[in-house]
Amino acid sequence: MSLVDIKNEHQRRSILNALSAMVGFGANHSMVRDTCASFGVEMSNDTIKTQLYWLEEQGLVSIKTQGNYLIAELKSRGQDVVNGLTFVPGIKRPSAGD
């Protein structure tokens, strides 16, 4: 596994964790980016948008556009990934005790 693959896995896990922590399980991409940064996973606007679209393709989040913002909402399958009940290749699995 390459360093890029590892980075992508961590970024995607961080995004799902951030959405899971939000009231209503959704937020705009800027809020998600700031929350991920508080977890120690910093991303540019382009990166967060790219990762959100990837997560949408996997059926883990839904995305709407509102002005210049992407509004992402965690789907039940995404919550299953956060809880370690579902594994999706390309997303870091949670560690024991997480």
N, C-alpha and C. Protein backbone atom coordinates (compact mmCIF):
# COMPACT_ATOMS: atom_id res chain seq x y z
N MET A 1 0.85 -1.18 0.00
CA MET A 1 0.00 0.00 0.00
C MET A 1 0.89 1.24 0.00
N SER A 2 0.55 2.19 -0.86
CA SER A 2 1.35 3.40 -0.98
C SER A 2 0.98 4.42 0.09
N LEU A 3 1.83 5.41 0.24
CA LEU A 3 1.58 6.50 1.18
C LEU A 3 0.31 7.26 0.79
N VAL A 4 0.06 7.43 -0.50
CA VAL A 4 -1.15 8.10 -0.97
C VAL A 4 -2.39 7.31 -0.56
N ASP A 5 -2.34 5.98 -0.69
CA ASP A 5 -3.47 5.14 -0.29
C ASP A 5 -3.75 5.28 1.20
N ILE A 6 -2.70 5.27 2.00
CA ILE A 6 -2.86 5.40 3.45
C ILE A 6 -3.47 6.76 3.79
N LYS A 7 -2.97 7.81 3.14
CA LYS A 7 -3.49 9.16 3.37
C LYS A 7 -4.98 9.23 3.01
N ASN A 8 -5.35 8.68 1.85
CA ASN A 8 -6.76 8.66 1.43
C ASN A 8 -7.63 7.92 2.44
N GLU A 9 -7.17 6.77 2.91
CA GLU A 9 -7.94 6.00 3.89
C GLU A 9 -8.20 6.80 5.16
N HIS A 10 -7.18 7.49 5.65
CA HIS A 10 -7.32 8.29 6.87
C HIS A 10 -8.24 9.50 6.63
N GLN A 11 -8.09 10.16 5.49
CA GLN A 11 -8.94 11.31 5.19
C GLN A 11 -10.41 10.89 5.13
N ARG A 12 -10.68 9.79 4.47
CA ARG A 12 -12.07 9.32 4.34
C ARG A 12 -12.65 8.92 5.68
N ARG A 13 -11.88 8.24 6.50
CA ARG A 13 -12.34 7.85 7.84
C ARG A 13 -12.63 9.11 8.66
N SER A 14 -11.75 10.09 8.57
CA SER A 14 -11.91 11.33 9.31
C SER A 14 -13.18 12.06 8.90
N ILE A 15 -13.47 12.10 7.60
CA ILE A 15 -14.69 12.75 7.11
C ILE A 15 -15.93 12.05 7.66
N LEU A 16 -15.95 10.73 7.60
CA LEU A 16 -17.10 9.99 8.11
C LEU A 16 -17.26 10.21 9.61
N ASN A 17 -16.15 10.22 10.34
CA ASN A 17 -16.22 10.48 11.79
C ASN A 17 -16.75 11.89 12.07
N ALA A 18 -16.31 12.85 11.28
CA ALA A 18 -16.76 14.24 11.46
C ALA A 18 -18.26 14.34 11.23
N LEU A 19 -18.76 13.74 10.16
CA LEU A 19 -20.19 13.79 9.88
C LEU A 19 -21.00 13.06 10.95
N SER A 20 -20.45 11.98 11.46
CA SER A 20 -21.12 11.22 12.51
C SER A 20 -21.27 12.05 13.78
N ALA A 21 -20.32 12.95 14.02
CA ALA A 21 -20.33 13.78 15.23
C ALA A 21 -21.23 15.01 15.11
N MET A 22 -21.66 15.34 13.88
CA MET A 22 -22.47 16.53 13.65
C MET A 22 -23.92 16.31 14.06
N VAL A 23 -24.55 17.34 14.60
CA VAL A 23 -25.98 17.29 14.88
C VAL A 23 -26.68 17.12 13.53
N GLY A 24 -27.53 16.13 13.41
CA GLY A 24 -28.22 15.88 12.15
C GLY A 24 -27.38 15.11 11.15
N PHE A 25 -26.16 14.75 11.51
CA PHE A 25 -25.25 13.94 10.68
C PHE A 25 -24.91 14.60 9.35
N GLY A 26 -24.90 15.93 9.31
CA GLY A 26 -24.55 16.61 8.08
C GLY A 26 -23.94 17.97 8.35
N ALA A 27 -23.23 18.49 7.34
CA ALA A 27 -22.59 19.80 7.45
C ALA A 27 -22.04 20.20 6.09
N ASN A 28 -21.69 21.48 5.96
CA ASN A 28 -21.05 21.91 4.72
C ASN A 28 -19.58 21.48 4.73
N HIS A 29 -18.98 21.46 3.54
CA HIS A 29 -17.62 20.93 3.42
C HIS A 29 -16.61 21.71 4.26
N SER A 30 -16.85 23.00 4.46
CA SER A 30 -15.94 23.81 5.26
C SER A 30 -15.95 23.37 6.73
N MET A 31 -17.14 23.11 7.26
CA MET A 31 -17.25 22.64 8.65
C MET A 31 -16.62 21.25 8.79
N VAL A 32 -16.84 20.40 7.80
CA VAL A 32 -16.25 19.06 7.84
C VAL A 32 -14.73 19.18 7.81
N ARG A 33 -14.21 20.05 6.94
CA ARG A 33 -12.75 20.25 6.85
C ARG A 33 -12.18 20.72 8.18
N ASP A 34 -12.83 21.70 8.82
CA ASP A 34 -12.35 22.21 10.11
C ASP A 34 -12.41 21.14 11.19
N THR A 35 -13.46 20.32 11.18
CA THR A 35 -13.58 19.25 12.17
C THR A 35 -12.49 18.22 11.95
N CYS A 36 -12.23 17.86 10.70
CA CYS A 36 -11.15 16.91 10.41
C CYS A 36 -9.80 17.47 10.87
N ALA A 37 -9.59 18.77 10.67
CA ALA A 37 -8.34 19.40 11.12
C ALA A 37 -8.20 19.29 12.63
N SER A 38 -9.32 19.38 13.35
CA SER A 38 -9.24 19.24 14.82
C SER A 38 -8.87 17.82 15.23
N PHE A 39 -9.09 16.85 14.31
CA PHE A 39 -8.67 15.46 14.55
C PHE A 39 -7.21 15.24 14.13
N GLY A 40 -6.60 16.28 13.56
CA GLY A 40 -5.22 16.17 13.09
C GLY A 40 -5.10 15.76 11.63
N VAL A 41 -6.21 15.80 10.89
CA VAL A 41 -6.21 15.43 9.48
C VAL A 41 -6.60 16.67 8.68
N GLU A 42 -5.60 17.43 8.24
CA GLU A 42 -5.86 18.68 7.51
C GLU A 42 -5.95 18.41 6.01
N MET A 43 -6.91 19.07 5.37
CA MET A 43 -7.13 18.91 3.93
C MET A 43 -7.47 20.26 3.31
N SER A 44 -7.12 20.40 2.05
CA SER A 44 -7.52 21.60 1.29
C SER A 44 -8.99 21.47 0.90
N ASN A 45 -9.57 22.58 0.43
CA ASN A 45 -10.95 22.53 -0.07
C ASN A 45 -11.10 21.53 -1.22
N ASP A 46 -10.13 21.52 -2.14
CA ASP A 46 -10.19 20.58 -3.27
C ASP A 46 -10.16 19.13 -2.78
N THR A 47 -9.30 18.86 -1.82
CA THR A 47 -9.19 17.49 -1.30
C THR A 47 -10.46 17.06 -0.59
N ILE A 48 -11.01 17.91 0.25
CA ILE A 48 -12.23 17.53 0.98
C ILE A 48 -13.36 17.28 0.01
N LYS A 49 -13.48 18.11 -1.03
CA LYS A 49 -14.54 17.92 -2.03
C LYS A 49 -14.34 16.62 -2.80
N THR A 50 -13.10 16.34 -3.20
CA THR A 50 -12.81 15.11 -3.92
C THR A 50 -13.15 13.89 -3.07
N GLN A 51 -12.77 13.94 -1.79
CA GLN A 51 -13.05 12.80 -0.91
C GLN A 51 -14.56 12.67 -0.66
N LEU A 52 -15.28 13.77 -0.53
CA LEU A 52 -16.73 13.70 -0.35
C LEU A 52 -17.39 13.06 -1.57
N TYR A 53 -16.97 13.44 -2.77
CA TYR A 53 -17.54 12.84 -3.98
C TYR A 53 -17.24 11.34 -4.03
N TRP A 54 -16.04 10.95 -3.62
CA TRP A 54 -15.69 9.52 -3.58
C TRP A 54 -16.60 8.78 -2.61
N LEU A 55 -16.80 9.36 -1.44
CA LEU A 55 -17.68 8.75 -0.43
C LEU A 55 -19.12 8.66 -0.94
N GLU A 56 -19.54 9.65 -1.71
CA GLU A 56 -20.88 9.61 -2.30
C GLU A 56 -20.99 8.45 -3.30
N GLU A 57 -19.94 8.27 -4.12
CA GLU A 57 -19.94 7.17 -5.09
C GLU A 57 -20.06 5.80 -4.40
N GLN A 58 -19.55 5.71 -3.19
CA GLN A 58 -19.60 4.45 -2.43
C GLN A 58 -20.94 4.28 -1.70
N GLY A 59 -21.81 5.29 -1.77
CA GLY A 59 -23.10 5.22 -1.12
C GLY A 59 -23.05 5.47 0.38
N LEU A 60 -22.02 6.20 0.83
CA LEU A 60 -21.82 6.44 2.26
C LEU A 60 -22.32 7.81 2.70
N VAL A 61 -22.34 8.77 1.79
CA VAL A 61 -22.85 10.11 2.08
C VAL A 61 -23.71 10.57 0.91
N SER A 62 -24.56 11.54 1.16
CA SER A 62 -25.27 12.22 0.08
C SER A 62 -24.76 13.66 0.06
N ILE A 63 -24.74 14.24 -1.13
CA ILE A 63 -24.19 15.59 -1.30
C ILE A 63 -25.19 16.45 -2.07
N LYS A 64 -25.38 17.69 -1.58
CA LYS A 64 -26.14 18.71 -2.28
C LYS A 64 -25.22 19.91 -2.44
N THR A 65 -25.46 20.69 -3.47
CA THR A 65 -24.71 21.93 -3.66
C THR A 65 -25.61 23.09 -3.23
N GLN A 66 -25.02 23.98 -2.42
CA GLN A 66 -25.72 25.18 -1.99
C GLN A 66 -24.75 26.34 -2.13
N GLY A 67 -24.94 27.14 -3.17
CA GLY A 67 -23.98 28.21 -3.45
C GLY A 67 -22.63 27.61 -3.77
N ASN A 68 -21.60 28.07 -3.06
CA ASN A 68 -20.24 27.55 -3.26
C ASN A 68 -19.92 26.38 -2.34
N TYR A 69 -20.90 25.92 -1.60
CA TYR A 69 -20.67 24.87 -0.61
C TYR A 69 -21.26 23.54 -1.04
N LEU A 70 -20.58 22.48 -0.63
CA LEU A 70 -21.16 21.15 -0.71
C LEU A 70 -21.74 20.85 0.66
N ILE A 71 -22.95 20.37 0.71
CA ILE A 71 -23.59 19.97 1.95
C ILE A 71 -23.60 18.45 1.95
N ALA A 72 -22.91 17.85 2.89
CA ALA A 72 -22.80 16.39 2.97
C ALA A 72 -23.61 15.88 4.15
N GLU A 73 -24.25 14.75 3.93
CA GLU A 73 -25.01 14.10 4.99
C GLU A 73 -24.64 12.62 5.02
N LEU A 74 -24.36 12.14 6.21
CA LEU A 74 -23.99 10.75 6.40
C LEU A 74 -25.21 9.85 6.18
N LYS A 75 -25.02 8.80 5.39
CA LYS A 75 -26.08 7.81 5.18
C LYS A 75 -25.90 6.68 6.19
N SER A 76 -26.91 5.84 6.30
CA SER A 76 -26.84 4.75 7.29
C SER A 76 -25.67 3.82 7.00
N ARG A 77 -25.36 3.57 5.74
CA ARG A 77 -24.21 2.72 5.41
C ARG A 77 -22.90 3.38 5.86
N GLY A 78 -22.84 4.70 5.74
CA GLY A 78 -21.67 5.43 6.23
C GLY A 78 -21.52 5.31 7.73
N GLN A 79 -22.64 5.35 8.45
CA GLN A 79 -22.61 5.18 9.90
C GLN A 79 -22.15 3.77 10.25
N ASP A 80 -22.56 2.79 9.46
CA ASP A 80 -22.10 1.41 9.68
C ASP A 80 -20.58 1.31 9.53
N VAL A 81 -20.03 2.04 8.58
CA VAL A 81 -18.57 2.07 8.41
C VAL A 81 -17.91 2.70 9.64
N VAL A 82 -18.46 3.82 10.11
CA VAL A 82 -17.93 4.49 11.31
C VAL A 82 -17.93 3.53 12.50
N ASN A 83 -19.03 2.77 12.63
CA ASN A 83 -19.18 1.85 13.77
C ASN A 83 -18.41 0.55 13.60
N GLY A 84 -17.76 0.36 12.44
CA GLY A 84 -17.00 -0.86 12.21
C GLY A 84 -17.86 -2.06 11.84
N LEU A 85 -19.12 -1.82 11.44
CA LEU A 85 -20.03 -2.90 11.08
C LEU A 85 -19.92 -3.27 9.60
N THR A 86 -19.41 -2.33 8.80
CA THR A 86 -19.24 -2.54 7.37
C THR A 86 -17.84 -2.10 7.01
N PHE A 87 -17.18 -2.88 6.14
CA PHE A 87 -15.86 -2.52 5.66
C PHE A 87 -15.95 -2.13 4.19
N VAL A 88 -15.35 -0.99 3.85
CA VAL A 88 -15.29 -0.52 2.47
C VAL A 88 -13.82 -0.33 2.12
N PRO A 89 -13.31 -1.08 1.13
CA PRO A 89 -11.92 -0.87 0.71
C PRO A 89 -11.69 0.60 0.36
N GLY A 90 -10.58 1.15 0.84
CA GLY A 90 -10.25 2.55 0.59
C GLY A 90 -10.55 3.45 1.78
N ILE A 91 -11.11 2.84 2.85
CA ILE A 91 -11.37 3.59 4.09
C ILE A 91 -10.70 2.84 5.24
N LYS A 92 -9.96 3.57 6.04
CA LYS A 92 -9.27 2.96 7.18
C LYS A 92 -10.29 2.31 8.12
N ARG A 93 -9.99 1.10 8.50
CA ARG A 93 -10.85 0.42 9.47
C ARG A 93 -10.58 1.00 10.86
N PRO A 94 -11.61 1.04 11.70
CA PRO A 94 -11.37 1.55 13.05
C PRO A 94 -10.49 0.58 13.84
N SER A 95 -9.70 1.12 14.74
CA SER A 95 -8.87 0.30 15.60
C SER A 95 -9.71 -0.24 16.75
N ALA A 96 -9.27 -1.32 17.33
CA ALA A 96 -9.96 -1.87 18.50
C ALA A 96 -10.04 -0.81 19.58
N GLY A 97 -11.20 -0.66 20.17
CA GLY A 97 -11.39 0.32 21.23
C GLY A 97 -11.84 1.67 20.75
N ASP A 98 -11.86 1.89 19.42
CA ASP A 98 -12.32 3.19 18.89
C ASP A 98 -13.84 3.30 18.99
